[in-house]
Amino acid sequence: MPATLAPTQPRPQTLHELFWTFTKLALQGFGGVLAVVQRELVDKKRWLTREQFVEDWAVAQVLPGPNVVNLSLMIGDRYFGLRGALIALAGLVTLPLGVVLALAVLFAGVSDDAQVQGALRGMSAVAAGLIAATGLKLFSSLRKNVLGAPVVWLLLALTFIAIAIFRLPLAWVLLGLGGTATLWACRQLRCASENSP
């Protein structure tokens, strides 16, 4: 379940601000938006703490559909209810849809050009680097994770082995390791609540 908001935490003041924030995120997110979303919502706007971002992103990844769409719906709903969810989603897709359609028309004429293909391969390397850098930046939030550091590292290693080496389908890895992690987190939370005064 996503983390609750701190009483003094900044928040979007208007639906207009929410719309343009997600439009800006979408326009910056060529090839992947994790790094951009984390920088904008956590570091700049401070609408989420790192821990809240990691929790919300985890939920967004498990839900069907694109991760950032799920996250926009969750954040819009958190601050403005259903209207906020729809406005955040509209901000995420309206202007970028026009850009994608224009690029598709332009790209159709040059898609076979070797220089264009090389440029796209180069951009994919940059996008992978951005995602890796964001992942490393968010590692500090795992110290506070309810699972405990040894379990987090074990799950990380098992996930890598299952997907990269054994090439297991993501759905099975999510069900198996995700289900195990969920049960362990529930156990840890139950123990913490029983031991608290």
C-alpha atoms as a PDB file:
ATOM      1  CA  MET A   1       0.000   0.000   0.000  1.00  0.00           C
ATOM      2  CA  PRO A   2       1.417   3.439  -0.901  1.00  0.00           C
ATOM      3  CA  ALA A   3       2.867   5.533   1.896  1.00  0.00           C
ATOM      4  CA  THR A   4       0.740   8.254   3.436  1.00  0.00           C
ATOM      5  CA  LEU A   5       1.603  11.914   3.056  1.00  0.00           C
ATOM      6  CA  ALA A   6       3.436  13.852   5.727  1.00  0.00           C
ATOM      7  CA  PRO A   7       1.373  16.837   6.918  1.00  0.00           C
ATOM      8  CA  THR A   8       4.020  19.379   5.802  1.00  0.00           C
ATOM      9  CA  GLN A   9       4.887  17.704   2.508  1.00  0.00           C
ATOM     10  CA  PRO A  10       4.519  19.901  -0.597  1.00  0.00           C
ATOM     11  CA  ARG A  11       1.680  19.053  -2.969  1.00  0.00           C
ATOM     12  CA  PRO A  12       0.298  20.292  -6.281  1.00  0.00           C
ATOM     13  CA  GLN A  13      -1.763  23.370  -5.586  1.00  0.00           C
ATOM     14  CA  THR A  14      -4.021  23.187  -8.638  1.00  0.00           C
ATOM     15  CA  LEU A  15      -5.197  20.750 -11.283  1.00  0.00           C
ATOM     16  CA  HIS A  16      -3.433  23.008 -13.787  1.00  0.00           C
ATOM     17  CA  GLU A  17      -0.085  22.430 -12.026  1.00  0.00           C
ATOM     18  CA  LEU A  18      -0.733  18.680 -11.930  1.00  0.00           C
ATOM     19  CA  PHE A  19      -1.553  18.605 -15.655  1.00  0.00           C
ATOM     20  CA  TRP A  20       1.554  20.539 -16.732  1.00  0.00           C
ATOM     21  CA  THR A  21       3.852  18.582 -14.429  1.00  0.00           C
ATOM     22  CA  PHE A  22       2.834  15.298 -16.025  1.00  0.00           C
ATOM     23  CA  THR A  23       2.956  16.839 -19.516  1.00  0.00           C
ATOM     24  CA  LYS A  24       6.525  17.937 -18.805  1.00  0.00           C
ATOM     25  CA  LEU A  25       7.391  14.454 -17.529  1.00  0.00           C
ATOM     26  CA  ALA A  26       6.001  12.800 -20.624  1.00  0.00           C
ATOM     27  CA  LEU A  27       7.830  15.146 -22.994  1.00  0.00           C
ATOM     28  CA  GLN A  28      11.162  14.435 -21.253  1.00  0.00           C
ATOM     29  CA  GLY A  29      10.714  10.682 -21.063  1.00  0.00           C
ATOM     30  CA  PHE A  30      11.955   9.473 -24.436  1.00  0.00           C
ATOM     31  CA  GLY A  31      12.796   5.778 -24.063  1.00  0.00           C
ATOM     32  CA  GLY A  32      11.908   5.539 -20.382  1.00  0.00           C
ATOM     33  CA  VAL A  33      10.709   7.904 -17.704  1.00  0.00           C
ATOM     34  CA  LEU A  34      11.878   6.405 -14.403  1.00  0.00           C
ATOM     35  CA  ALA A  35      14.833   8.774 -14.022  1.00  0.00           C
ATOM     36  CA  VAL A  36      12.800  11.801 -15.085  1.00  0.00           C
ATOM     37  CA  VAL A  37       9.826  10.974 -12.852  1.00  0.00           C
ATOM     38  CA  GLN A  38      12.014  10.375  -9.810  1.00  0.00           C
ATOM     39  CA  ARG A  39      13.956  13.620 -10.325  1.00  0.00           C
ATOM     40  CA  GLU A  40      10.842  15.722 -10.910  1.00  0.00           C
ATOM     41  CA  LEU A  41       8.464  14.324  -8.264  1.00  0.00           C
ATOM     42  CA  VAL A  42      10.999  13.556  -5.523  1.00  0.00           C
ATOM     43  CA  ASP A  43      13.931  15.937  -5.953  1.00  0.00           C
ATOM     44  CA  LYS A  44      12.336  19.027  -7.508  1.00  0.00           C
ATOM     45  CA  LYS A  45       8.640  19.111  -6.566  1.00  0.00           C
ATOM     46  CA  ARG A  46       9.055  17.034  -3.364  1.00  0.00           C
ATOM     47  CA  TRP A  47       5.520  15.690  -3.772  1.00  0.00           C
ATOM     48  CA  LEU A  48       6.896  12.294  -2.713  1.00  0.00           C
ATOM     49  CA  THR A  49       9.753  11.184  -0.494  1.00  0.00           C
ATOM     50  CA  ARG A  50      12.155   8.602  -1.893  1.00  0.00           C
ATOM     51  CA  GLU A  51      10.493   5.919   0.199  1.00  0.00           C
ATOM     52  CA  GLN A  52       7.030   6.906  -1.020  1.00  0.00           C
ATOM     53  CA  PHE A  53       8.289   6.951  -4.605  1.00  0.00           C
ATOM     54  CA  VAL A  54       9.786   3.459  -4.308  1.00  0.00           C
ATOM     55  CA  GLU A  55       6.553   2.113  -2.785  1.00  0.00           C
ATOM     56  CA  ASP A  56       4.304   3.831  -5.338  1.00  0.00           C
ATOM     57  CA  TRP A  57       6.535   2.788  -8.252  1.00  0.00           C
ATOM     58  CA  ALA A  58       6.449  -0.823  -7.012  1.00  0.00           C
ATOM     59  CA  VAL A  59       2.648  -0.750  -6.969  1.00  0.00           C
ATOM     60  CA  ALA A  60       2.585   0.941 -10.404  1.00  0.00           C
ATOM     61  CA  GLN A  61       4.798  -1.820 -11.839  1.00  0.00           C
ATOM     62  CA  VAL A  62       2.579  -4.622 -10.580  1.00  0.00           C
ATOM     63  CA  LEU A  63      -0.648  -3.085 -11.905  1.00  0.00           C
ATOM     64  CA  PRO A  64      -1.553  -3.733 -15.544  1.00  0.00           C
ATOM     65  CA  GLY A  65      -0.538  -1.018 -17.985  1.00  0.00           C
ATOM     66  CA  PRO A  66       2.413   1.356 -18.307  1.00  0.00           C
ATOM     67  CA  ASN A  67       4.115   2.136 -14.992  1.00  0.00           C
ATOM     68  CA  VAL A  68       4.097   5.908 -15.342  1.00  0.00           C
ATOM     69  CA  VAL A  69       0.414   5.928 -16.319  1.00  0.00           C
ATOM     70  CA  ASN A  70      -0.413   3.962 -13.176  1.00  0.00           C
ATOM     71  CA  LEU A  71       1.741   6.323 -11.098  1.00  0.00           C
ATOM     72  CA  SER A  72       0.066   9.410 -12.585  1.00  0.00           C
ATOM     73  CA  LEU A  73      -3.361   8.005 -11.740  1.00  0.00           C
ATOM     74  CA  MET A  74      -2.281   7.218  -8.170  1.00  0.00           C
ATOM     75  CA  ILE A  75      -0.758  10.665  -7.561  1.00  0.00           C
ATOM     76  CA  GLY A  76      -3.632  12.550  -9.201  1.00  0.00           C
ATOM     77  CA  ASP A  77      -6.128  10.586  -7.121  1.00  0.00           C
ATOM     78  CA  ARG A  78      -4.146  11.130  -3.918  1.00  0.00           C
ATOM     79  CA  TYR A  79      -4.312  14.910  -4.214  1.00  0.00           C
ATOM     80  CA  PHE A  80      -7.570  15.632  -6.101  1.00  0.00           C
ATOM     81  CA  GLY A  81      -9.559  12.396  -6.263  1.00  0.00           C
ATOM     82  CA  LEU A  82     -10.954  11.096  -9.554  1.00  0.00           C
ATOM     83  CA  ARG A  83     -10.636  14.520 -11.246  1.00  0.00           C
ATOM     84  CA  GLY A  84      -6.955  14.611 -10.329  1.00  0.00           C
ATOM     85  CA  ALA A  85      -6.366  11.113 -11.659  1.00  0.00           C
ATOM     86  CA  LEU A  86      -7.969  11.992 -14.999  1.00  0.00           C
ATOM     87  CA  ILE A  87      -6.130  15.345 -15.238  1.00  0.00           C
ATOM     88  CA  ALA A  88      -2.749  13.716 -14.488  1.00  0.00           C
ATOM     89  CA  LEU A  89      -3.448  11.072 -17.134  1.00  0.00           C
ATOM     90  CA  ALA A  90      -4.499  13.743 -19.644  1.00  0.00           C
ATOM     91  CA  GLY A  91      -1.292  15.642 -18.951  1.00  0.00           C
ATOM     92  CA  LEU A  92       0.691  12.513 -19.543  1.00  0.00           C
ATOM     93  CA  VAL A  93      -0.840  11.650 -22.924  1.00  0.00           C
ATOM     94  CA  THR A  94      -2.337  14.713 -24.671  1.00  0.00           C
ATOM     95  CA  LEU A  95       0.639  16.727 -25.934  1.00  0.00           C
ATOM     96  CA  PRO A  96       3.004  13.729 -26.217  1.00  0.00           C
ATOM     97  CA  LEU A  97       0.464  11.978 -28.458  1.00  0.00           C
ATOM     98  CA  GLY A  98       0.709  14.847 -30.932  1.00  0.00           C
ATOM     99  CA  VAL A  99       4.516  14.717 -30.797  1.00  0.00           C
ATOM    100  CA  VAL A 100       4.556  10.940 -31.372  1.00  0.00           C
ATOM    101  CA  LEU A 101       2.205  11.219 -34.352  1.00  0.00           C
ATOM    102  CA  ALA A 102       4.351  13.964 -35.904  1.00  0.00           C
ATOM    103  CA  LEU A 103       7.538  11.939 -35.324  1.00  0.00           C
ATOM    104  CA  ALA A 104       5.939   8.843 -36.849  1.00  0.00           C
ATOM    105  CA  VAL A 105       5.181  10.772 -40.024  1.00  0.00           C
ATOM    106  CA  LEU A 106       8.727  12.181 -40.160  1.00  0.00           C
ATOM    107  CA  PHE A 107      10.409   8.879 -39.261  1.00  0.00           C
ATOM    108  CA  ALA A 108       8.587   6.938 -41.977  1.00  0.00           C
ATOM    109  CA  GLY A 109      10.667   8.743 -44.598  1.00  0.00           C
ATOM    110  CA  VAL A 110      14.080   8.143 -42.983  1.00  0.00           C
ATOM    111  CA  SER A 111      13.667   4.884 -41.051  1.00  0.00           C
ATOM    112  CA  ASP A 112      15.997   2.929 -43.341  1.00  0.00           C
ATOM    113  CA  ASP A 113      18.843   5.445 -43.049  1.00  0.00           C
ATOM    114  CA  ALA A 114      21.884   3.928 -41.263  1.00  0.00           C
ATOM    115  CA  GLN A 115      22.614   7.182 -39.402  1.00  0.00           C
ATOM    116  CA  VAL A 116      19.087   7.322 -37.990  1.00  0.00           C
ATOM    117  CA  GLN A 117      19.291   3.693 -36.867  1.00  0.00           C
ATOM    118  CA  GLY A 118      22.671   4.374 -35.235  1.00  0.00           C
ATOM    119  CA  ALA A 119      21.276   7.411 -33.425  1.00  0.00           C
ATOM    120  CA  LEU A 120      18.383   5.343 -32.056  1.00  0.00           C
ATOM    121  CA  ARG A 121      20.796   2.641 -30.818  1.00  0.00           C
ATOM    122  CA  GLY A 122      22.831   5.336 -29.081  1.00  0.00           C
ATOM    123  CA  MET A 123      19.716   6.746 -27.412  1.00  0.00           C
ATOM    124  CA  SER A 124      18.778   3.309 -26.095  1.00  0.00           C
ATOM    125  CA  ALA A 125      22.186   3.076 -24.366  1.00  0.00           C
ATOM    126  CA  VAL A 126      21.611   6.470 -22.749  1.00  0.00           C
ATOM    127  CA  ALA A 127      18.126   5.434 -21.591  1.00  0.00           C
ATOM    128  CA  ALA A 128      19.555   2.254 -20.028  1.00  0.00           C
ATOM    129  CA  GLY A 129      22.185   4.340 -18.252  1.00  0.00           C
ATOM    130  CA  LEU A 130      19.534   6.718 -16.883  1.00  0.00           C
ATOM    131  CA  ILE A 131      17.500   3.821 -15.516  1.00  0.00           C
ATOM    132  CA  ALA A 132      20.582   2.236 -13.910  1.00  0.00           C
ATOM    133  CA  ALA A 133      21.632   5.562 -12.344  1.00  0.00           C
ATOM    134  CA  THR A 134      18.147   6.111 -10.908  1.00  0.00           C
ATOM    135  CA  GLY A 135      18.105   2.592  -9.495  1.00  0.00           C
ATOM    136  CA  LEU A 136      21.435   3.219  -7.751  1.00  0.00           C
ATOM    137  CA  LYS A 137      20.194   6.555  -6.437  1.00  0.00           C
ATOM    138  CA  LEU A 138      17.099   4.906  -4.926  1.00  0.00           C
ATOM    139  CA  PHE A 139      19.082   2.150  -3.175  1.00  0.00           C
ATOM    140  CA  SER A 140      19.443   4.341  -0.069  1.00  0.00           C
ATOM    141  CA  SER A 141      15.682   4.123   0.517  1.00  0.00           C
ATOM    142  CA  LEU A 142      15.942   0.337   0.818  1.00  0.00           C
ATOM    143  CA  ARG A 143      17.744   0.679   4.170  1.00  0.00           C
ATOM    144  CA  LYS A 144      14.405   1.657   5.711  1.00  0.00           C
ATOM    145  CA  ASN A 145      12.507  -1.140   3.964  1.00  0.00           C
ATOM    146  CA  VAL A 146      10.442  -3.355   6.259  1.00  0.00           C
ATOM    147  CA  LEU A 147      11.900  -6.500   4.666  1.00  0.00           C
ATOM    148  CA  GLY A 148      15.367  -5.801   6.018  1.00  0.00           C
ATOM    149  CA  ALA A 149      18.542  -5.324   3.982  1.00  0.00           C
ATOM    150  CA  PRO A 150      19.611  -9.008   3.786  1.00  0.00           C
ATOM    151  CA  VAL A 151      16.196 -10.068   2.451  1.00  0.00           C
ATOM    152  CA  VAL A 152      16.138  -7.174  -0.039  1.00  0.00           C
ATOM    153  CA  TRP A 153      19.566  -8.175  -1.392  1.00  0.00           C
ATOM    154  CA  LEU A 154      18.549 -11.829  -1.564  1.00  0.00           C
ATOM    155  CA  LEU A 155      15.375 -10.955  -3.497  1.00  0.00           C
ATOM    156  CA  LEU A 156      17.363  -8.704  -5.812  1.00  0.00           C
ATOM    157  CA  ALA A 157      19.846 -11.509  -6.554  1.00  0.00           C
ATOM    158  CA  LEU A 158      17.114 -14.124  -7.031  1.00  0.00           C
ATOM    159  CA  THR A 159      15.184 -11.832  -9.363  1.00  0.00           C
ATOM    160  CA  PHE A 160      18.281 -11.192 -11.457  1.00  0.00           C
ATOM    161  CA  ILE A 161      19.078 -14.923 -11.617  1.00  0.00           C
ATOM    162  CA  ALA A 162      15.494 -15.860 -12.486  1.00  0.00           C
ATOM    163  CA  ILE A 163      15.133 -13.293 -15.288  1.00  0.00           C
ATOM    164  CA  ALA A 164      18.638 -12.773 -16.681  1.00  0.00           C
ATOM    165  CA  ILE A 165      20.051 -16.276 -16.360  1.00  0.00           C
ATOM    166  CA  PHE A 166      17.105 -18.679 -16.347  1.00  0.00           C
ATOM    167  CA  ARG A 167      14.938 -16.370 -18.500  1.00  0.00           C
ATOM    168  CA  LEU A 168      11.798 -17.147 -16.530  1.00  0.00           C
ATOM    169  CA  PRO A 169       8.669 -15.200 -17.537  1.00  0.00           C
ATOM    170  CA  LEU A 170       8.255 -11.986 -15.583  1.00  0.00           C
ATOM    171  CA  ALA A 171       4.739 -12.986 -14.483  1.00  0.00           C
ATOM    172  CA  TRP A 172       6.059 -16.118 -12.741  1.00  0.00           C
ATOM    173  CA  VAL A 173       8.893 -14.203 -11.086  1.00  0.00           C
ATOM    174  CA  LEU A 174       6.425 -11.585  -9.842  1.00  0.00           C
ATOM    175  CA  LEU A 175       4.062 -14.224  -8.520  1.00  0.00           C
ATOM    176  CA  GLY A 176       6.784 -16.297  -6.883  1.00  0.00           C
ATOM    177  CA  LEU A 177       9.252 -13.780  -5.509  1.00  0.00           C
ATOM    178  CA  GLY A 178       6.747 -10.923  -5.264  1.00  0.00           C
ATOM    179  CA  GLY A 179       4.309 -13.122  -3.368  1.00  0.00           C
ATOM    180  CA  THR A 180       7.070 -14.324  -1.048  1.00  0.00           C
ATOM    181  CA  ALA A 181       8.226 -10.745  -0.426  1.00  0.00           C
ATOM    182  CA  THR A 182       4.655  -9.661   0.300  1.00  0.00           C
ATOM    183  CA  LEU A 183       4.140 -12.436   2.831  1.00  0.00           C
ATOM    184  CA  TRP A 184       7.476 -11.649   4.501  1.00  0.00           C
ATOM    185  CA  ALA A 185       6.621  -7.915   4.657  1.00  0.00           C
ATOM    186  CA  CYS A 186       3.229  -8.699   6.239  1.00  0.00           C
ATOM    187  CA  ARG A 187       4.970 -10.894   8.811  1.00  0.00           C
ATOM    188  CA  GLN A 188       7.514  -8.164   9.603  1.00  0.00           C
ATOM    189  CA  LEU A 189       4.811  -5.505   9.926  1.00  0.00           C
ATOM    190  CA  ARG A 190       2.730  -7.772  12.172  1.00  0.00           C
ATOM    191  CA  CYS A 191       5.752  -8.449  14.398  1.00  0.00           C
ATOM    192  CA  ALA A 192       6.580  -4.727  14.559  1.00  0.00           C
ATOM    193  CA  SER A 193       3.018  -3.833  15.564  1.00  0.00           C
ATOM    194  CA  GLU A 194       2.946  -6.556  18.234  1.00  0.00           C
ATOM    195  CA  ASN A 195       6.255  -5.344  19.710  1.00  0.00           C
ATOM    196  CA  SER A 196       5.317  -1.658  19.732  1.00  0.00           C
ATOM    197  CA  PRO A 197       3.984  -0.250  23.041  1.00  0.00           C
END
